[in-house]
Amino acid sequence: MPTFERKSTECLAQAHPDLQHLFNEVIKTIDCSVLCGYRGKEEQEAAYRDGNSKLHFPDSKHNHLPSLAVDVAPYPINWQNIERFKSFGEFVKKTAEELGIKIRWGGDFKSFADHPHYEIIS
C-alpha cells in the first residue's frame, strides 16, 4: 500500500480535516504527492505571478489555516499526462462522495484547468 512521504504529510497536516481524511483514504489505493496546502502571502503572490493561480492573497482557499485547498498529483508526477490527472481527479471525487465530503476539483474549472487542485466547498 502506498504511503505519503514526509513533505506530503507536512503539507496535508496544514489542510482542513476533511481534506486530510479524504487524501488519507486516496493514498490507500493510488500513490500520490501532496504538493501544497497552506500558502502565505509570498507563496500565493509567486503562484499568481507564475500563472499557477488566478487569485491574489488572501483570496485563495490555500490562504487559510487550516487550508481549504490542497494541490495533489498522482505519483510519479508527469505534468504532460493530463489523462492521468483526469483519472486521478475522478477517483478523488468518487472517494469524496463516498465519504460525504463536498469538494471541487480544479480540473473542472471552466476558465483555468487546475488539475492538481482540490478544495472544500463551504
N, C-alpha and C. Protein backbone atom coordinates (compact mmCIF):
# COMPACT_ATOMS: atom_id res chain seq x y z
N MET A 1 0.85 -1.18 0.00
CA MET A 1 0.00 0.00 0.00
C MET A 1 0.90 1.25 0.00
N PRO A 2 0.60 2.22 -0.87
CA PRO A 2 1.40 3.45 -0.89
C PRO A 2 1.23 4.24 0.42
N THR A 3 2.23 5.04 0.72
CA THR A 3 2.17 5.95 1.87
C THR A 3 2.75 7.30 1.47
N PHE A 4 2.39 8.34 2.20
CA PHE A 4 2.91 9.67 1.92
C PHE A 4 4.34 9.83 2.39
N GLU A 5 5.12 10.53 1.59
CA GLU A 5 6.47 10.94 2.00
C GLU A 5 6.33 12.07 3.03
N ARG A 6 7.42 12.45 3.65
CA ARG A 6 7.42 13.47 4.71
C ARG A 6 6.84 14.80 4.22
N LYS A 7 7.26 15.30 3.06
CA LYS A 7 6.78 16.59 2.56
C LYS A 7 5.27 16.56 2.35
N SER A 8 4.76 15.48 1.78
CA SER A 8 3.31 15.35 1.58
C SER A 8 2.58 15.36 2.92
N THR A 9 3.11 14.64 3.89
CA THR A 9 2.49 14.58 5.21
C THR A 9 2.46 15.97 5.84
N GLU A 10 3.54 16.72 5.71
CA GLU A 10 3.60 18.07 6.28
C GLU A 10 2.60 19.00 5.59
N CYS A 11 2.51 18.94 4.27
CA CYS A 11 1.56 19.78 3.53
C CYS A 11 0.12 19.42 3.89
N LEU A 12 -0.17 18.14 3.96
CA LEU A 12 -1.52 17.69 4.27
C LEU A 12 -1.92 18.08 5.70
N ALA A 13 -0.96 18.11 6.61
CA ALA A 13 -1.24 18.46 8.01
C ALA A 13 -1.74 19.91 8.13
N GLN A 14 -1.45 20.75 7.13
CA GLN A 14 -1.88 22.14 7.14
C GLN A 14 -3.31 22.29 6.62
N ALA A 15 -3.90 21.22 6.13
CA ALA A 15 -5.19 21.28 5.45
C ALA A 15 -6.36 21.01 6.39
N HIS A 16 -7.54 21.38 5.93
CA HIS A 16 -8.79 21.12 6.63
C HIS A 16 -8.89 19.63 6.95
N PRO A 17 -9.44 19.27 8.10
CA PRO A 17 -9.54 17.85 8.47
C PRO A 17 -10.25 16.99 7.43
N ASP A 18 -11.25 17.53 6.72
CA ASP A 18 -11.93 16.74 5.69
C ASP A 18 -10.98 16.41 4.53
N LEU A 19 -10.11 17.35 4.17
CA LEU A 19 -9.13 17.08 3.10
C LEU A 19 -8.10 16.06 3.59
N GLN A 20 -7.72 16.15 4.84
CA GLN A 20 -6.79 15.16 5.40
C GLN A 20 -7.42 13.77 5.34
N HIS A 21 -8.66 13.67 5.77
CA HIS A 21 -9.35 12.39 5.76
C HIS A 21 -9.46 11.84 4.34
N LEU A 22 -9.86 12.69 3.41
CA LEU A 22 -10.02 12.28 2.01
C LEU A 22 -8.73 11.73 1.44
N PHE A 23 -7.65 12.48 1.56
CA PHE A 23 -6.41 12.03 0.91
C PHE A 23 -5.71 10.91 1.68
N ASN A 24 -6.01 10.78 2.96
CA ASN A 24 -5.51 9.60 3.68
C ASN A 24 -6.24 8.34 3.22
N GLU A 25 -7.44 8.48 2.69
CA GLU A 25 -8.14 7.35 2.07
C GLU A 25 -7.63 7.11 0.65
N VAL A 26 -7.45 8.18 -0.11
CA VAL A 26 -6.98 8.06 -1.51
C VAL A 26 -5.64 7.34 -1.57
N ILE A 27 -4.71 7.69 -0.68
CA ILE A 27 -3.36 7.12 -0.72
C ILE A 27 -3.38 5.61 -0.48
N LYS A 28 -4.44 5.10 0.11
CA LYS A 28 -4.54 3.66 0.33
C LYS A 28 -4.69 2.89 -0.98
N THR A 29 -5.14 3.60 -2.04
CA THR A 29 -5.38 2.95 -3.32
C THR A 29 -4.45 3.46 -4.42
N ILE A 30 -4.21 4.77 -4.45
CA ILE A 30 -3.41 5.37 -5.52
C ILE A 30 -2.28 6.18 -4.91
N ASP A 31 -1.05 5.93 -5.34
CA ASP A 31 0.10 6.69 -4.87
C ASP A 31 -0.02 8.12 -5.38
N CYS A 32 0.20 9.09 -4.49
CA CYS A 32 0.10 10.49 -4.87
C CYS A 32 0.98 11.33 -3.95
N SER A 33 1.21 12.57 -4.38
CA SER A 33 2.01 13.51 -3.60
C SER A 33 1.19 14.76 -3.33
N VAL A 34 1.21 15.22 -2.08
CA VAL A 34 0.57 16.49 -1.73
C VAL A 34 1.63 17.56 -1.94
N LEU A 35 1.38 18.43 -2.90
CA LEU A 35 2.37 19.43 -3.30
C LEU A 35 2.25 20.72 -2.51
N CYS A 36 1.03 21.03 -2.07
CA CYS A 36 0.80 22.31 -1.41
C CYS A 36 -0.46 22.24 -0.57
N GLY A 37 -0.39 22.82 0.60
CA GLY A 37 -1.56 23.01 1.45
C GLY A 37 -1.73 24.50 1.64
N TYR A 38 -1.27 24.99 2.78
CA TYR A 38 -1.35 26.42 3.09
C TYR A 38 -0.32 27.20 2.27
N ARG A 39 -0.75 28.38 1.80
CA ARG A 39 0.17 29.33 1.15
C ARG A 39 0.06 30.67 1.85
N GLY A 40 1.19 31.17 2.32
CA GLY A 40 1.25 32.52 2.86
C GLY A 40 1.25 33.54 1.73
N LYS A 41 1.33 34.81 2.08
CA LYS A 41 1.24 35.89 1.10
C LYS A 41 2.32 35.77 0.02
N GLU A 42 3.55 35.57 0.42
CA GLU A 42 4.66 35.49 -0.53
C GLU A 42 4.47 34.32 -1.51
N GLU A 43 4.11 33.16 -0.98
CA GLU A 43 3.90 31.98 -1.83
C GLU A 43 2.71 32.17 -2.78
N GLN A 44 1.64 32.78 -2.26
CA GLN A 44 0.46 32.99 -3.10
C GLN A 44 0.75 33.97 -4.22
N GLU A 45 1.44 35.05 -3.92
CA GLU A 45 1.76 36.04 -4.96
C GLU A 45 2.71 35.43 -6.00
N ALA A 46 3.62 34.56 -5.57
CA ALA A 46 4.51 33.87 -6.51
C ALA A 46 3.69 32.94 -7.41
N ALA A 47 2.73 32.23 -6.84
CA ALA A 47 1.87 31.34 -7.63
C ALA A 47 1.07 32.16 -8.65
N TYR A 48 0.62 33.33 -8.25
CA TYR A 48 -0.11 34.21 -9.17
C TYR A 48 0.81 34.68 -10.30
N ARG A 49 1.99 35.18 -9.94
CA ARG A 49 2.96 35.67 -10.94
C ARG A 49 3.36 34.58 -11.94
N ASP A 50 3.50 33.35 -11.43
CA ASP A 50 3.94 32.24 -12.28
C ASP A 50 2.81 31.64 -13.10
N GLY A 51 1.58 32.14 -12.92
CA GLY A 51 0.44 31.63 -13.68
C GLY A 51 -0.16 30.37 -13.10
N ASN A 52 0.23 30.02 -11.87
CA ASN A 52 -0.30 28.81 -11.22
C ASN A 52 -1.53 29.09 -10.36
N SER A 53 -1.91 30.35 -10.27
CA SER A 53 -3.12 30.73 -9.55
C SER A 53 -3.70 31.96 -10.24
N LYS A 54 -5.00 32.09 -10.18
CA LYS A 54 -5.68 33.26 -10.73
C LYS A 54 -6.04 34.26 -9.63
N LEU A 55 -5.66 33.95 -8.38
CA LEU A 55 -6.06 34.78 -7.25
C LEU A 55 -4.87 35.33 -6.49
N HIS A 56 -5.03 36.58 -6.03
CA HIS A 56 -4.05 37.20 -5.14
C HIS A 56 -4.34 36.78 -3.70
N PHE A 57 -3.35 36.92 -2.85
CA PHE A 57 -3.52 36.74 -1.41
C PHE A 57 -4.47 37.83 -0.90
N PRO A 58 -5.43 37.57 -0.06
CA PRO A 58 -5.77 36.35 0.67
C PRO A 58 -6.99 35.64 0.09
N ASP A 59 -7.20 35.75 -1.23
CA ASP A 59 -8.44 35.28 -1.84
C ASP A 59 -8.46 33.80 -2.22
N SER A 60 -7.34 33.11 -2.14
CA SER A 60 -7.29 31.69 -2.47
C SER A 60 -7.69 30.86 -1.26
N LYS A 61 -8.30 29.71 -1.53
CA LYS A 61 -8.63 28.79 -0.43
C LYS A 61 -7.36 28.19 0.19
N HIS A 62 -6.22 28.37 -0.47
CA HIS A 62 -4.94 27.96 0.11
C HIS A 62 -4.48 28.92 1.22
N ASN A 63 -5.09 30.11 1.29
CA ASN A 63 -4.61 31.17 2.19
C ASN A 63 -5.26 31.15 3.57
N HIS A 64 -5.89 30.06 3.93
CA HIS A 64 -6.49 29.89 5.25
C HIS A 64 -5.68 28.84 6.01
N LEU A 65 -5.75 28.90 7.31
CA LEU A 65 -5.10 27.88 8.13
C LEU A 65 -6.12 27.37 9.13
N PRO A 66 -6.60 26.15 9.04
CA PRO A 66 -6.16 25.15 8.05
C PRO A 66 -6.60 25.52 6.64
N SER A 67 -5.80 25.07 5.69
CA SER A 67 -6.06 25.35 4.28
C SER A 67 -7.35 24.68 3.83
N LEU A 68 -8.12 25.42 3.03
CA LEU A 68 -9.36 24.87 2.48
C LEU A 68 -9.12 24.25 1.11
N ALA A 69 -7.84 24.20 0.69
CA ALA A 69 -7.46 23.60 -0.60
C ALA A 69 -6.10 22.95 -0.49
N VAL A 70 -5.91 21.93 -1.32
CA VAL A 70 -4.62 21.27 -1.46
C VAL A 70 -4.36 21.01 -2.94
N ASP A 71 -3.10 20.96 -3.29
CA ASP A 71 -2.69 20.54 -4.63
C ASP A 71 -2.07 19.16 -4.48
N VAL A 72 -2.63 18.20 -5.22
CA VAL A 72 -2.20 16.81 -5.12
C VAL A 72 -2.05 16.24 -6.52
N ALA A 73 -0.98 15.50 -6.75
CA ALA A 73 -0.72 14.91 -8.06
C ALA A 73 -0.47 13.42 -7.91
N PRO A 74 -0.93 12.64 -8.91
CA PRO A 74 -0.62 11.21 -8.89
C PRO A 74 0.90 11.03 -9.03
N TYR A 75 1.43 10.04 -8.31
CA TYR A 75 2.88 9.80 -8.30
C TYR A 75 3.20 8.53 -9.09
N PRO A 76 4.28 8.52 -9.88
CA PRO A 76 5.19 9.63 -10.13
C PRO A 76 4.53 10.71 -10.98
N ILE A 77 4.95 11.94 -10.75
CA ILE A 77 4.31 13.09 -11.40
C ILE A 77 4.81 13.22 -12.84
N ASN A 78 3.85 13.30 -13.76
CA ASN A 78 4.14 13.57 -15.17
C ASN A 78 3.16 14.66 -15.60
N TRP A 79 3.62 15.91 -15.63
CA TRP A 79 2.76 17.05 -15.91
C TRP A 79 2.16 17.00 -17.31
N GLN A 80 2.76 16.27 -18.23
CA GLN A 80 2.24 16.18 -19.60
C GLN A 80 1.10 15.16 -19.73
N ASN A 81 0.96 14.27 -18.78
CA ASN A 81 -0.05 13.22 -18.86
C ASN A 81 -1.36 13.70 -18.22
N ILE A 82 -2.08 14.54 -18.94
CA ILE A 82 -3.32 15.13 -18.44
C ILE A 82 -4.38 14.05 -18.22
N GLU A 83 -4.40 13.03 -19.05
CA GLU A 83 -5.39 11.95 -18.87
C GLU A 83 -5.22 11.27 -17.52
N ARG A 84 -4.00 11.13 -17.08
CA ARG A 84 -3.73 10.52 -15.77
C ARG A 84 -4.26 11.42 -14.65
N PHE A 85 -4.06 12.74 -14.78
CA PHE A 85 -4.61 13.68 -13.81
C PHE A 85 -6.13 13.61 -13.79
N LYS A 86 -6.74 13.46 -14.98
CA LYS A 86 -8.20 13.38 -15.05
C LYS A 86 -8.71 12.11 -14.38
N SER A 87 -8.06 10.99 -14.63
CA SER A 87 -8.46 9.73 -13.98
C SER A 87 -8.32 9.84 -12.47
N PHE A 88 -7.21 10.42 -12.04
CA PHE A 88 -6.98 10.61 -10.61
C PHE A 88 -8.06 11.52 -10.02
N GLY A 89 -8.36 12.61 -10.72
CA GLY A 89 -9.40 13.54 -10.25
C GLY A 89 -10.75 12.87 -10.09
N GLU A 90 -11.11 12.04 -11.05
CA GLU A 90 -12.39 11.31 -10.96
C GLU A 90 -12.39 10.36 -9.77
N PHE A 91 -11.25 9.70 -9.52
CA PHE A 91 -11.16 8.80 -8.37
C PHE A 91 -11.30 9.58 -7.06
N VAL A 92 -10.64 10.74 -6.98
CA VAL A 92 -10.72 11.56 -5.76
C VAL A 92 -12.15 12.04 -5.54
N LYS A 93 -12.82 12.50 -6.60
CA LYS A 93 -14.20 12.97 -6.46
C LYS A 93 -15.13 11.83 -6.00
N LYS A 94 -14.94 10.65 -6.56
CA LYS A 94 -15.76 9.49 -6.18
C LYS A 94 -15.51 9.12 -4.71
N THR A 95 -14.25 9.14 -4.30
CA THR A 95 -13.92 8.83 -2.91
C THR A 95 -14.52 9.88 -1.97
N ALA A 96 -14.44 11.15 -2.35
CA ALA A 96 -15.02 12.23 -1.53
C ALA A 96 -16.52 12.03 -1.38
N GLU A 97 -17.18 11.68 -2.47
CA GLU A 97 -18.63 11.45 -2.43
C GLU A 97 -18.96 10.30 -1.48
N GLU A 98 -18.19 9.22 -1.57
CA GLU A 98 -18.42 8.06 -0.69
C GLU A 98 -18.23 8.43 0.78
N LEU A 99 -17.32 9.37 1.05
CA LEU A 99 -17.04 9.79 2.42
C LEU A 99 -17.97 10.92 2.88
N GLY A 100 -18.79 11.44 1.98
CA GLY A 100 -19.67 12.56 2.33
C GLY A 100 -18.95 13.89 2.45
N ILE A 101 -17.82 14.02 1.73
CA ILE A 101 -17.02 15.26 1.76
C ILE A 101 -17.28 16.02 0.47
N LYS A 102 -17.69 17.28 0.60
CA LYS A 102 -18.00 18.09 -0.58
C LYS A 102 -16.74 18.84 -1.02
N ILE A 103 -16.30 18.48 -2.25
CA ILE A 103 -15.11 19.12 -2.80
C ILE A 103 -15.40 19.61 -4.21
N ARG A 104 -14.51 20.48 -4.67
CA ARG A 104 -14.49 20.92 -6.06
C ARG A 104 -13.08 20.62 -6.57
N TRP A 105 -13.01 20.08 -7.78
CA TRP A 105 -11.73 19.73 -8.39
C TRP A 105 -11.37 20.80 -9.42
N GLY A 106 -10.14 21.26 -9.38
CA GLY A 106 -9.66 22.29 -10.31
C GLY A 106 -9.69 21.86 -11.76
N GLY A 107 -9.70 20.58 -12.04
CA GLY A 107 -9.80 20.10 -13.42
C GLY A 107 -11.16 20.37 -14.02
N ASP A 108 -12.16 20.67 -13.18
CA ASP A 108 -13.50 21.00 -13.65
C ASP A 108 -13.71 22.51 -13.82
N PHE A 109 -12.73 23.32 -13.44
CA PHE A 109 -12.87 24.76 -13.60
C PHE A 109 -13.01 25.09 -15.08
N LYS A 110 -13.90 25.99 -15.41
CA LYS A 110 -14.15 26.36 -16.81
C LYS A 110 -13.07 27.28 -17.38
N SER A 111 -12.59 28.23 -16.58
CA SER A 111 -11.67 29.24 -17.11
C SER A 111 -10.21 28.86 -16.99
N PHE A 112 -9.89 27.90 -16.13
CA PHE A 112 -8.49 27.60 -15.83
C PHE A 112 -8.42 26.18 -15.27
N ALA A 113 -8.02 25.24 -16.11
CA ALA A 113 -7.91 23.84 -15.66
C ALA A 113 -6.73 23.71 -14.71
N ASP A 114 -7.02 23.49 -13.45
CA ASP A 114 -6.00 23.39 -12.41
C ASP A 114 -6.04 21.95 -11.88
N HIS A 115 -5.46 21.05 -12.64
CA HIS A 115 -5.61 19.61 -12.39
C HIS A 115 -5.16 19.12 -11.01
N PRO A 116 -4.15 19.69 -10.37
CA PRO A 116 -3.79 19.18 -9.05
C PRO A 116 -4.62 19.76 -7.89
N HIS A 117 -5.52 20.71 -8.17
CA HIS A 117 -6.21 21.48 -7.13
C HIS A 117 -7.51 20.80 -6.67
N TYR A 118 -7.67 20.70 -5.35
CA TYR A 118 -8.88 20.20 -4.71
C TYR A 118 -9.24 21.14 -3.57
N GLU A 119 -10.50 21.54 -3.49
CA GLU A 119 -10.90 22.46 -2.43
C GLU A 119 -12.22 22.04 -1.80
N ILE A 120 -12.35 22.41 -0.53
CA ILE A 120 -13.58 22.18 0.21
C ILE A 120 -14.65 23.13 -0.33
N ILE A 121 -15.86 22.63 -0.51
CA ILE A 121 -16.99 23.50 -0.84
C ILE A 121 -17.63 23.90 0.48
N SER A 122 -17.64 25.21 0.72
CA SER A 122 -18.21 25.67 2.00
C SER A 122 -19.61 26.20 1.83
